[in-house]
PDB file of N, CA and C in Angstrom:
ATOM      1  N   UNK A   1    -153.538   8.596 -61.517  1.00  0.00           N
ATOM      2  CA  UNK A   1    -154.865   9.165 -61.373  1.00  0.00           C
ATOM      3  C   UNK A   1    -154.951   9.812 -59.993  1.00  0.00           C
ATOM      4  N   UNK A   2    -155.604  10.979 -59.940  1.00  0.00           N
ATOM      5  CA  UNK A   2    -155.753  11.727 -58.691  1.00  0.00           C
ATOM      6  C   UNK A   2    -157.211  11.682 -58.223  1.00  0.00           C
ATOM      7  N   UNK A   3    -157.402  11.951 -56.958  1.00  0.00           N
ATOM      8  CA  UNK A   3    -158.756  12.062 -56.423  1.00  0.00           C
ATOM      9  C   UNK A   3    -159.336  13.421 -56.787  1.00  0.00           C
ATOM     10  N   UNK A   4    -160.642  13.471 -56.915  1.00  0.00           N
ATOM     11  CA  UNK A   4    -161.363  14.718 -57.172  1.00  0.00           C
ATOM     12  C   UNK A   4    -162.299  14.963 -56.000  1.00  0.00           C
ATOM     13  N   UNK A   5    -162.176  16.151 -55.417  1.00  0.00           N
ATOM     14  CA  UNK A   5    -163.054  16.537 -54.301  1.00  0.00           C
ATOM     15  C   UNK A   5    -164.359  17.077 -54.875  1.00  0.00           C
ATOM     16  N   UNK A   6    -165.467  16.555 -54.392  1.00  0.00           N
ATOM     17  CA  UNK A   6    -166.801  16.981 -54.814  1.00  0.00           C
ATOM     18  C   UNK A   6    -167.484  17.595 -53.599  1.00  0.00           C
ATOM     19  N   UNK A   7    -167.737  18.896 -53.673  1.00  0.00           N
ATOM     20  CA  UNK A   7    -168.377  19.604 -52.566  1.00  0.00           C
ATOM     21  C   UNK A   7    -169.776  20.018 -52.990  1.00  0.00           C
ATOM     22  N   UNK A   8    -170.757  19.709 -52.169  1.00  0.00           N
ATOM     23  CA  UNK A   8    -172.131  20.127 -52.456  1.00  0.00           C
ATOM     24  C   UNK A   8    -172.247  21.611 -52.084  1.00  0.00           C
ATOM     25  N   UNK A   9    -172.450  22.458 -53.092  1.00  0.00           N
ATOM     26  CA  UNK A   9    -172.554  23.896 -52.875  1.00  0.00           C
ATOM     27  C   UNK A   9    -173.952  24.312 -52.446  1.00  0.00           C
ATOM     28  N   UNK A  10    -174.965  23.724 -53.080  1.00  0.00           N
ATOM     29  CA  UNK A  10    -176.341  24.075 -52.714  1.00  0.00           C
ATOM     30  C   UNK A  10    -177.297  23.050 -53.271  1.00  0.00           C
ATOM     31  N   UNK A  11    -178.434  22.939 -52.599  1.00  0.00           N
ATOM     32  CA  UNK A  11    -179.541  22.152 -53.113  1.00  0.00           C
ATOM     33  C   UNK A  11    -180.631  23.156 -53.465  1.00  0.00           C
ATOM     34  N   UNK A  12    -181.290  22.935 -54.559  1.00  0.00           N
ATOM     35  CA  UNK A  12    -182.261  23.912 -55.037  1.00  0.00           C
ATOM     36  C   UNK A  12    -183.599  23.250 -55.332  1.00  0.00           C
ATOM     37  N   UNK A  13    -184.593  24.086 -55.517  1.00  0.00           N
ATOM     38  CA  UNK A  13    -185.917  23.627 -55.917  1.00  0.00           C
ATOM     39  C   UNK A  13    -186.503  24.707 -56.814  1.00  0.00           C
ATOM     40  N   UNK A  14    -186.964  24.325 -57.986  1.00  0.00           N
ATOM     41  CA  UNK A  14    -187.633  25.268 -58.878  1.00  0.00           C
ATOM     42  C   UNK A  14    -189.117  25.220 -58.529  1.00  0.00           C
ATOM     43  N   UNK A  15    -189.598  26.220 -57.778  1.00  0.00           N
ATOM     44  CA  UNK A  15    -190.983  26.144 -57.295  1.00  0.00           C
ATOM     45  C   UNK A  15    -192.025  26.121 -58.401  1.00  0.00           C
ATOM     46  N   UNK A  16    -191.769  26.821 -59.489  1.00  0.00           N
ATOM     47  CA  UNK A  16    -192.731  26.844 -60.592  1.00  0.00           C
ATOM     48  C   UNK A  16    -192.859  25.467 -61.235  1.00  0.00           C
ATOM     49  N   UNK A  17    -191.731  24.853 -61.529  1.00  0.00           N
ATOM     50  CA  UNK A  17    -191.769  23.524 -62.138  1.00  0.00           C
ATOM     51  C   UNK A  17    -192.262  22.473 -61.149  1.00  0.00           C
ATOM     52  N   UNK A  18    -191.851  22.612 -59.881  1.00  0.00           N
ATOM     53  CA  UNK A  18    -192.293  21.653 -58.865  1.00  0.00           C
ATOM     54  C   UNK A  18    -193.806  21.712 -58.696  1.00  0.00           C
ATOM     55  N   UNK A  19    -194.366  22.912 -58.749  1.00  0.00           N
ATOM     56  CA  UNK A  19    -195.817  23.054 -58.608  1.00  0.00           C
ATOM     57  C   UNK A  19    -196.546  22.388 -59.772  1.00  0.00           C
ATOM     58  N   UNK A  20    -195.989  22.557 -60.974  1.00  0.00           N
ATOM     59  CA  UNK A  20    -196.641  22.005 -62.158  1.00  0.00           C
ATOM     60  C   UNK A  20    -196.428  20.498 -62.315  1.00  0.00           C
ATOM     61  N   UNK A  21    -195.228  20.006 -61.990  1.00  0.00           N
ATOM     62  CA  UNK A  21    -194.899  18.612 -62.303  1.00  0.00           C
ATOM     63  C   UNK A  21    -194.583  17.726 -61.103  1.00  0.00           C
ATOM     64  N   UNK A  22    -194.261  18.328 -59.975  1.00  0.00           N
ATOM     65  CA  UNK A  22    -193.821  17.552 -58.826  1.00  0.00           C
ATOM     66  C   UNK A  22    -194.955  17.010 -57.988  1.00  0.00           C
ATOM     67  N   UNK A  23    -194.625  16.037 -57.173  1.00  0.00           N
ATOM     68  CA  UNK A  23    -195.602  15.493 -56.232  1.00  0.00           C
ATOM     69  C   UNK A  23    -195.859  16.512 -55.130  1.00  0.00           C
ATOM     70  N   UNK A  24    -196.976  16.386 -54.479  1.00  0.00           N
ATOM     71  CA  UNK A  24    -197.338  17.282 -53.375  1.00  0.00           C
ATOM     72  C   UNK A  24    -196.248  17.248 -52.299  1.00  0.00           C
ATOM     73  N   UNK A  25    -195.812  18.411 -51.853  1.00  0.00           N
ATOM     74  CA  UNK A  25    -194.828  18.509 -50.781  1.00  0.00           C
ATOM     75  C   UNK A  25    -193.389  18.287 -51.199  1.00  0.00           C
ATOM     76  N   UNK A  26    -193.114  18.279 -52.511  1.00  0.00           N
ATOM     77  CA  UNK A  26    -191.741  18.070 -52.987  1.00  0.00           C
ATOM     78  C   UNK A  26    -190.827  19.154 -52.433  1.00  0.00           C
ATOM     79  N   UNK A  27    -189.686  18.741 -51.932  1.00  0.00           N
ATOM     80  CA  UNK A  27    -188.684  19.672 -51.416  1.00  0.00           C
ATOM     81  C   UNK A  27    -187.362  19.449 -52.117  1.00  0.00           C
ATOM     82  N   UNK A  28    -186.321  20.017 -51.565  1.00  0.00           N
ATOM     83  CA  UNK A  28    -184.987  19.834 -52.148  1.00  0.00           C
ATOM     84  C   UNK A  28    -184.560  18.376 -51.997  1.00  0.00           C
ATOM     85  N   UNK A  29    -183.493  18.024 -52.660  1.00  0.00           N
ATOM     86  CA  UNK A  29    -182.986  16.650 -52.664  1.00  0.00           C
ATOM     87  C   UNK A  29    -182.803  16.114 -51.245  1.00  0.00           C
ATOM     88  N   UNK A  30    -183.359  14.927 -50.971  1.00  0.00           N
ATOM     89  CA  UNK A  30    -183.213  14.352 -49.641  1.00  0.00           C
ATOM     90  C   UNK A  30    -181.897  13.595 -49.448  1.00  0.00           C
ATOM     91  N   UNK A  31    -181.129  13.427 -50.519  1.00  0.00           N
ATOM     92  CA  UNK A  31    -179.902  12.630 -50.438  1.00  0.00           C
ATOM     93  C   UNK A  31    -178.637  13.449 -50.227  1.00  0.00           C
ATOM     94  N   UNK A  32    -178.635  14.691 -50.690  1.00  0.00           N
ATOM     95  CA  UNK A  32    -177.426  15.505 -50.652  1.00  0.00           C
ATOM     96  C   UNK A  32    -177.702  16.756 -49.822  1.00  0.00           C
ATOM     97  N   UNK A  33    -176.678  17.229 -49.116  1.00  0.00           N
ATOM     98  CA  UNK A  33    -176.809  18.417 -48.282  1.00  0.00           C
ATOM     99  C   UNK A  33    -175.659  19.371 -48.532  1.00  0.00           C
ATOM    100  N   UNK A  34    -175.946  20.660 -48.479  1.00  0.00           N
ATOM    101  CA  UNK A  34    -174.920  21.682 -48.633  1.00  0.00           C
ATOM    102  C   UNK A  34    -173.780  21.394 -47.659  1.00  0.00           C
ATOM    103  N   UNK A  35    -172.562  21.486 -48.186  1.00  0.00           N
ATOM    104  CA  UNK A  35    -171.382  21.276 -47.354  1.00  0.00           C
ATOM    105  C   UNK A  35    -170.828  19.866 -47.368  1.00  0.00           C
ATOM    106  N   UNK A  36    -171.596  18.897 -47.832  1.00  0.00           N
ATOM    107  CA  UNK A  36    -171.070  17.528 -47.899  1.00  0.00           C
ATOM    108  C   UNK A  36    -169.872  17.494 -48.851  1.00  0.00           C
ATOM    109  N   UNK A  37    -168.903  16.654 -48.527  1.00  0.00           N
ATOM    110  CA  UNK A  37    -167.720  16.491 -49.357  1.00  0.00           C
ATOM    111  C   UNK A  37    -167.524  15.012 -49.651  1.00  0.00           C
ATOM    112  N   UNK A  38    -167.274  14.722 -50.915  1.00  0.00           N
ATOM    113  CA  UNK A  38    -167.015  13.361 -51.378  1.00  0.00           C
ATOM    114  C   UNK A  38    -165.707  13.380 -52.175  1.00  0.00           C
ATOM    115  N   UNK A  39    -165.082  12.222 -52.326  1.00  0.00           N
ATOM    116  CA  UNK A  39    -163.901  12.106 -53.175  1.00  0.00           C
ATOM    117  C   UNK A  39    -164.155  11.003 -54.188  1.00  0.00           C
ATOM    118  N   UNK A  40    -163.925  11.320 -55.457  1.00  0.00           N
ATOM    119  CA  UNK A  40    -164.154  10.359 -56.515  1.00  0.00           C
ATOM    120  C   UNK A  40    -162.966  10.284 -57.456  1.00  0.00           C
ATOM    121  N   UNK A  41    -162.981   9.277 -58.309  1.00  0.00           N
ATOM    122  CA  UNK A  41    -162.003   9.107 -59.382  1.00  0.00           C
ATOM    123  C   UNK A  41    -162.758   8.460 -60.537  1.00  0.00           C
ATOM    124  N   UNK A  42    -162.614   7.175 -60.732  1.00  0.00           N
ATOM    125  CA  UNK A  42    -163.432   6.501 -61.741  1.00  0.00           C
ATOM    126  C   UNK A  42    -164.661   5.852 -61.106  1.00  0.00           C
ATOM    127  N   UNK A  43    -164.641   5.740 -59.789  1.00  0.00           N
ATOM    128  CA  UNK A  43    -165.724   5.071 -59.083  1.00  0.00           C
ATOM    129  C   UNK A  43    -166.571   6.073 -58.305  1.00  0.00           C
ATOM    130  N   UNK A  44    -167.852   5.817 -58.255  1.00  0.00           N
ATOM    131  CA  UNK A  44    -168.783   6.664 -57.500  1.00  0.00           C
ATOM    132  C   UNK A  44    -168.440   6.586 -56.022  1.00  0.00           C
ATOM    133  N   UNK A  45    -168.334   7.734 -55.368  1.00  0.00           N
ATOM    134  CA  UNK A  45    -168.062   7.719 -53.926  1.00  0.00           C
ATOM    135  C   UNK A  45    -169.215   7.093 -53.141  1.00  0.00           C
ATOM    136  N   UNK A  46    -168.890   6.466 -52.040  1.00  0.00           N
ATOM    137  CA  UNK A  46    -169.912   5.899 -51.161  1.00  0.00           C
ATOM    138  C   UNK A  46    -170.852   7.002 -50.700  1.00  0.00           C
ATOM    139  N   UNK A  47    -172.150   6.726 -50.735  1.00  0.00           N
ATOM    140  CA  UNK A  47    -173.149   7.667 -50.278  1.00  0.00           C
ATOM    141  C   UNK A  47    -173.524   8.747 -51.269  1.00  0.00           C
ATOM    142  N   UNK A  48    -172.907   8.734 -52.443  1.00  0.00           N
ATOM    143  CA  UNK A  48    -173.189   9.739 -53.465  1.00  0.00           C
ATOM    144  C   UNK A  48    -174.366   9.266 -54.311  1.00  0.00           C
ATOM    145  N   UNK A  49    -175.251  10.164 -54.646  1.00  0.00           N
ATOM    146  CA  UNK A  49    -176.446   9.843 -55.430  1.00  0.00           C
ATOM    147  C   UNK A  49    -176.087   9.245 -56.792  1.00  0.00           C
ATOM    148  N   UNK A  50    -176.732   8.154 -57.154  1.00  0.00           N
ATOM    149  CA  UNK A  50    -176.479   7.500 -58.448  1.00  0.00           C
ATOM    150  C   UNK A  50    -176.760   8.438 -59.626  1.00  0.00           C
ATOM    151  N   UNK A  51    -177.862   9.152 -59.574  1.00  0.00           N
ATOM    152  CA  UNK A  51    -178.224  10.039 -60.689  1.00  0.00           C
ATOM    153  C   UNK A  51    -177.269  11.235 -60.787  1.00  0.00           C
ATOM    154  N   UNK A  52    -176.864  11.756 -59.653  1.00  0.00           N
ATOM    155  CA  UNK A  52    -175.894  12.853 -59.670  1.00  0.00           C
ATOM    156  C   UNK A  52    -174.572  12.369 -60.253  1.00  0.00           C
ATOM    157  N   UNK A  53    -174.182  11.142 -59.917  1.00  0.00           N
ATOM    158  CA  UNK A  53    -172.929  10.596 -60.450  1.00  0.00           C
ATOM    159  C   UNK A  53    -172.986  10.496 -61.972  1.00  0.00           C
ATOM    160  N   UNK A  54    -174.115  10.060 -62.500  1.00  0.00           N
ATOM    161  CA  UNK A  54    -174.261   9.977 -63.961  1.00  0.00           C
ATOM    162  C   UNK A  54    -174.056  11.342 -64.611  1.00  0.00           C
ATOM    163  N   UNK A  55    -174.483  12.391 -63.923  1.00  0.00           N
ATOM    164  CA  UNK A  55    -174.402  13.742 -64.482  1.00  0.00           C
ATOM    165  C   UNK A  55    -172.984  14.325 -64.417  1.00  0.00           C
ATOM    166  N   UNK A  56    -172.181  13.933 -63.426  1.00  0.00           N
ATOM    167  CA  UNK A  56    -170.869  14.568 -63.260  1.00  0.00           C
ATOM    168  C   UNK A  56    -169.694  13.642 -63.523  1.00  0.00           C
ATOM    169  N   UNK A  57    -169.960  12.368 -63.736  1.00  0.00           N
ATOM    170  CA  UNK A  57    -168.881  11.391 -63.885  1.00  0.00           C
ATOM    171  C   UNK A  57    -167.822  11.818 -64.894  1.00  0.00           C
ATOM    172  N   UNK A  58    -168.233  12.293 -66.059  1.00  0.00           N
ATOM    173  CA  UNK A  58    -167.246  12.612 -67.098  1.00  0.00           C
ATOM    174  C   UNK A  58    -166.322  13.740 -66.670  1.00  0.00           C
ATOM    175  N   UNK A  59    -166.805  14.668 -65.881  1.00  0.00           N
ATOM    176  CA  UNK A  59    -165.966  15.761 -65.383  1.00  0.00           C
ATOM    177  C   UNK A  59    -165.008  15.255 -64.303  1.00  0.00           C
ATOM    178  N   UNK A  60    -165.504  14.406 -63.411  1.00  0.00           N
ATOM    179  CA  UNK A  60    -164.650  13.822 -62.380  1.00  0.00           C
ATOM    180  C   UNK A  60    -163.545  13.009 -63.039  1.00  0.00           C
ATOM    181  N   UNK A  61    -163.893  12.182 -63.984  1.00  0.00           N
ATOM    182  CA  UNK A  61    -162.915  11.334 -64.674  1.00  0.00           C
ATOM    183  C   UNK A  61    -161.855  12.194 -65.370  1.00  0.00           C
ATOM    184  N   UNK A  62    -162.289  13.248 -66.054  1.00  0.00           N
ATOM    185  CA  UNK A  62    -161.350  14.122 -66.759  1.00  0.00           C
ATOM    186  C   UNK A  62    -160.410  14.820 -65.775  1.00  0.00           C
ATOM    187  N   UNK A  63    -160.960  15.363 -64.695  1.00  0.00           N
ATOM    188  CA  UNK A  63    -160.119  16.037 -63.705  1.00  0.00           C
ATOM    189  C   UNK A  63    -159.172  15.058 -63.021  1.00  0.00           C
ATOM    190  N   UNK A  64    -159.619  13.846 -62.770  1.00  0.00           N
ATOM    191  CA  UNK A  64    -158.768  12.835 -62.141  1.00  0.00           C
ATOM    192  C   UNK A  64    -157.584  12.469 -63.023  1.00  0.00           C
ATOM    193  N   UNK A  65    -157.738  12.691 -64.321  1.00  0.00           N
ATOM    194  CA  UNK A  65    -156.679  12.360 -65.270  1.00  0.00           C
ATOM    195  C   UNK A  65    -155.952  13.585 -65.817  1.00  0.00           C
ATOM    196  N   UNK A  66    -156.063  14.716 -65.130  1.00  0.00           N
ATOM    197  CA  UNK A  66    -155.248  15.864 -65.488  1.00  0.00           C
ATOM    198  C   UNK A  66    -155.855  16.872 -66.425  1.00  0.00           C
ATOM    199  N   UNK A  67    -157.148  16.861 -66.640  1.00  0.00           N
ATOM    200  CA  UNK A  67    -157.768  17.801 -67.585  1.00  0.00           C
ATOM    201  C   UNK A  67    -157.643  19.247 -67.138  1.00  0.00           C
ATOM    202  N   UNK A  68    -157.263  19.491 -65.871  1.00  0.00           N
ATOM    203  CA  UNK A  68    -157.162  20.871 -65.418  1.00  0.00           C
ATOM    204  C   UNK A  68    -156.061  21.645 -66.135  1.00  0.00           C
ATOM    205  N   UNK A  69    -155.175  20.945 -66.815  1.00  0.00           N
ATOM    206  CA  UNK A  69    -154.091  21.637 -67.511  1.00  0.00           C
ATOM    207  C   UNK A  69    -154.440  21.922 -68.969  1.00  0.00           C
ATOM    208  N   UNK A  70    -155.553  21.447 -69.436  1.00  0.00           N
ATOM    209  CA  UNK A  70    -155.938  21.646 -70.831  1.00  0.00           C
ATOM    210  C   UNK A  70    -157.134  22.559 -70.959  1.00  0.00           C
ATOM    211  N   UNK A  71    -157.768  22.529 -72.093  1.00  0.00           N
ATOM    212  CA  UNK A  71    -158.938  23.382 -72.319  1.00  0.00           C
ATOM    213  C   UNK A  71    -160.207  22.554 -72.453  1.00  0.00           C
ATOM    214  N   UNK A  72    -160.272  21.456 -71.736  1.00  0.00           N
ATOM    215  CA  UNK A  72    -161.431  20.567 -71.763  1.00  0.00           C
ATOM    216  C   UNK A  72    -162.724  21.351 -71.541  1.00  0.00           C
ATOM    217  N   UNK A  73    -162.730  22.240 -70.567  1.00  0.00           N
ATOM    218  CA  UNK A  73    -163.894  23.063 -70.271  1.00  0.00           C
ATOM    219  C   UNK A  73    -163.468  24.397 -69.710  1.00  0.00           C
ATOM    220  N   UNK A  74    -162.249  24.487 -69.251  1.00  0.00           N
ATOM    221  CA  UNK A  74    -161.780  25.609 -68.461  1.00  0.00           C
ATOM    222  C   UNK A  74    -161.753  26.936 -69.219  1.00  0.00           C
ATOM    223  N   UNK A  75    -161.292  26.954 -70.431  1.00  0.00           N
ATOM    224  CA  UNK A  75    -161.043  28.214 -71.136  1.00  0.00           C
ATOM    225  C   UNK A  75    -162.299  29.046 -71.388  1.00  0.00           C
ATOM    226  N   UNK A  76    -163.446  28.418 -71.557  1.00  0.00           N
ATOM    227  CA  UNK A  76    -164.635  29.207 -71.892  1.00  0.00           C
ATOM    228  C   UNK A  76    -165.771  29.067 -70.874  1.00  0.00           C
ATOM    229  N   UNK A  77    -165.480  28.519 -69.710  1.00  0.00           N
ATOM    230  CA  UNK A  77    -166.562  28.231 -68.787  1.00  0.00           C
ATOM    231  C   UNK A  77    -166.190  28.611 -67.358  1.00  0.00           C
ATOM    232  N   UNK A  78    -165.072  28.087 -66.871  1.00  0.00           N
ATOM    233  CA  UNK A  78    -164.645  28.278 -65.495  1.00  0.00           C
ATOM    234  C   UNK A  78    -163.319  29.030 -65.492  1.00  0.00           C
ATOM    235  N   UNK A  79    -163.175  30.005 -64.611  1.00  0.00           N
ATOM    236  CA  UNK A  79    -161.953  30.812 -64.595  1.00  0.00           C
ATOM    237  C   UNK A  79    -160.801  30.170 -63.838  1.00  0.00           C
ATOM    238  N   UNK A  80    -161.074  29.151 -63.041  1.00  0.00           N
ATOM    239  CA  UNK A  80    -160.035  28.525 -62.233  1.00  0.00           C
ATOM    240  C   UNK A  80    -159.683  27.147 -62.784  1.00  0.00           C
ATOM    241  N   UNK A  81    -158.438  26.930 -63.167  1.00  0.00           N
ATOM    242  CA  UNK A  81    -158.043  25.594 -63.631  1.00  0.00           C
ATOM    243  C   UNK A  81    -158.274  24.541 -62.555  1.00  0.00           C
ATOM    244  N   UNK A  82    -158.703  23.373 -62.975  1.00  0.00           N
ATOM    245  CA  UNK A  82    -158.911  22.273 -62.050  1.00  0.00           C
ATOM    246  C   UNK A  82    -160.224  22.311 -61.298  1.00  0.00           C
ATOM    247  N   UNK A  83    -161.133  23.209 -61.692  1.00  0.00           N
ATOM    248  CA  UNK A  83    -162.425  23.328 -61.020  1.00  0.00           C
ATOM    249  C   UNK A  83    -163.543  23.231 -62.051  1.00  0.00           C
ATOM    250  N   UNK A  84    -164.616  22.573 -61.680  1.00  0.00           N
ATOM    251  CA  UNK A  84    -165.827  22.540 -62.504  1.00  0.00           C
ATOM    252  C   UNK A  84    -167.019  22.728 -61.576  1.00  0.00           C
ATOM    253  N   UNK A  85    -167.977  23.521 -62.009  1.00  0.00           N
ATOM    254  CA  UNK A  85    -169.228  23.682 -61.274  1.00  0.00           C
ATOM    255  C   UNK A  85    -170.298  22.972 -62.099  1.00  0.00           C
ATOM    256  N   UNK A  86    -170.905  21.957 -61.508  1.00  0.00           N
ATOM    257  CA  UNK A  86    -171.848  21.101 -62.227  1.00  0.00           C
ATOM    258  C   UNK A  86    -173.118  20.926 -61.392  1.00  0.00           C
ATOM    259  N   UNK A  87    -174.120  20.371 -62.020  1.00  0.00           N
ATOM    260  CA  UNK A  87    -175.343  20.058 -61.291  1.00  0.00           C
ATOM    261  C   UNK A  87    -175.801  18.657 -61.668  1.00  0.00           C
ATOM    262  N   UNK A  88    -176.632  18.109 -60.816  1.00  0.00           N
ATOM    263  CA  UNK A  88    -177.220  16.819 -61.141  1.00  0.00           C
ATOM    264  C   UNK A  88    -178.292  17.040 -62.204  1.00  0.00           C
ATOM    265  N   UNK A  89    -178.890  15.958 -62.652  1.00  0.00           N
ATOM    266  CA  UNK A  89    -179.847  16.045 -63.753  1.00  0.00           C
ATOM    267  C   UNK A  89    -181.302  16.082 -63.299  1.00  0.00           C
ATOM    268  N   UNK A  90    -181.561  16.418 -62.035  1.00  0.00           N
ATOM    269  CA  UNK A  90    -182.932  16.532 -61.547  1.00  0.00           C
ATOM    270  C   UNK A  90    -183.449  17.914 -61.931  1.00  0.00           C
ATOM    271  N   UNK A  91    -184.372  17.989 -62.855  1.00  0.00           N
ATOM    272  CA  UNK A  91    -184.867  19.255 -63.358  1.00  0.00           C
ATOM    273  C   UNK A  91    -185.730  20.032 -62.391  1.00  0.00           C
ATOM    274  N   UNK A  92    -186.269  19.368 -61.384  1.00  0.00           N
ATOM    275  CA  UNK A  92    -187.110  20.055 -60.407  1.00  0.00           C
ATOM    276  C   UNK A  92    -186.310  20.524 -59.190  1.00  0.00           C
ATOM    277  N   UNK A  93    -185.299  19.754 -58.817  1.00  0.00           N
ATOM    278  CA  UNK A  93    -184.533  20.062 -57.606  1.00  0.00           C
ATOM    279  C   UNK A  93    -183.048  19.752 -57.778  1.00  0.00           C
ATOM    280  N   UNK A  94    -182.398  20.455 -58.703  1.00  0.00           N
ATOM    281  CA  UNK A  94    -180.984  20.170 -58.966  1.00  0.00           C
ATOM    282  C   UNK A  94    -180.072  20.510 -57.782  1.00  0.00           C
ATOM    283  N   UNK A  95    -179.047  19.708 -57.659  1.00  0.00           N
ATOM    284  CA  UNK A  95    -178.004  19.911 -56.665  1.00  0.00           C
ATOM    285  C   UNK A  95    -176.786  20.463 -57.414  1.00  0.00           C
ATOM    286  N   UNK A  96    -176.214  21.552 -56.882  1.00  0.00           N
ATOM    287  CA  UNK A  96    -175.067  22.204 -57.510  1.00  0.00           C
ATOM    288  C   UNK A  96    -173.803  21.761 -56.778  1.00  0.00           C
ATOM    289  N   UNK A  97    -172.796  21.348 -57.541  1.00  0.00           N
ATOM    290  CA  UNK A  97    -171.567  20.796 -56.977  1.00  0.00           C
ATOM    291  C   UNK A  97    -170.332  21.483 -57.520  1.00  0.00           C
ATOM    292  N   UNK A  98    -169.314  21.546 -56.688  1.00  0.00           N
ATOM    293  CA  UNK A  98    -167.990  22.032 -57.096  1.00  0.00           C
ATOM    294  C   UNK A  98    -167.071  20.827 -57.155  1.00  0.00           C
ATOM    295  N   UNK A  99    -166.466  20.598 -58.301  1.00  0.00           N
ATOM    296  CA  UNK A  99    -165.509  19.520 -58.486  1.00  0.00           C
ATOM    297  C   UNK A  99    -164.127  20.144 -58.548  1.00  0.00           C
ATOM    298  N   UNK A 100    -163.200  19.597 -57.794  1.00  0.00           N
ATOM    299  CA  UNK A 100    -161.834  20.141 -57.754  1.00  0.00           C
ATOM    300  C   UNK A 100    -160.803  19.028 -57.879  1.00  0.00           C
ATOM    301  N   UNK A 101    -159.869  19.230 -58.785  1.00  0.00           N
ATOM    302  CA  UNK A 101    -158.742  18.304 -58.883  1.00  0.00           C
ATOM    303  C   UNK A 101    -157.920  18.448 -57.608  1.00  0.00           C
ATOM    304  N   UNK A 102    -157.393  17.342 -57.112  1.00  0.00           N
ATOM    305  CA  UNK A 102    -156.499  17.381 -55.953  1.00  0.00           C
ATOM    306  C   UNK A 102    -155.168  16.762 -56.358  1.00  0.00           C
ATOM    307  N   UNK A 103    -154.215  16.816 -55.453  1.00  0.00           N
ATOM    308  CA  UNK A 103    -152.927  16.153 -55.672  1.00  0.00           C
ATOM    309  C   UNK A 103    -152.878  14.811 -54.984  1.00  0.00           C
ATOM    310  N   UNK A 104    -153.995  14.390 -54.384  1.00  0.00           N
ATOM    311  CA  UNK A 104    -154.049  13.111 -53.704  1.00  0.00           C
ATOM    312  C   UNK A 104    -154.132  11.973 -54.719  1.00  0.00           C
ATOM    313  N   UNK A 105    -153.221  11.057 -54.636  1.00  0.00           N
ATOM    314  CA  UNK A 105    -153.207   9.920 -55.548  1.00  0.00           C
ATOM    315  C   UNK A 105    -154.309   8.959 -55.179  1.00  0.00           C
ATOM    316  N   UNK A 106    -155.059   8.526 -56.171  1.00  0.00           N
ATOM    317  CA  UNK A 106    -156.114   7.547 -55.967  1.00  0.00           C
ATOM    318  C   UNK A 106    -155.494   6.160 -55.910  1.00  0.00           C
ATOM    319  N   UNK A 107    -155.905   5.381 -54.947  1.00  0.00           N
ATOM    320  CA  UNK A 107    -155.405   4.010 -54.821  1.00  0.00           C
ATOM    321  C   UNK A 107    -156.423   3.011 -55.322  1.00  0.00           C
ATOM    322  N   UNK A 108    -157.385   3.507 -56.082  1.00  0.00           N
ATOM    323  CA  UNK A 108    -158.443   2.649 -56.606  1.00  0.00           C
ATOM    324  C   UNK A 108    -157.952   1.850 -57.794  1.00  0.00           C
TER     325      UNK A 108
END
């Protein structure tokens, strides 16, 4: 099993939905910041949002086990093997992440 690098590409806020459904003063995610890097395999990285992990776990697990060589998602979604662009499941302020297979062996 290999490690998967998770890079936070951007934090977003849907102002229309936030205005209608969010609490007063809602902003982007307070837990994740653009540029943060985490490494995962089957276990959630330290400091990584629990809800975001639920949303991307299956992609991290697949990439950690070599899915970059197959057509798990790559052939019709992402042009680069071993990469997935995913978001957390927060509908008002989703965080966009880049998942990348690495050659680093996981010791977990």
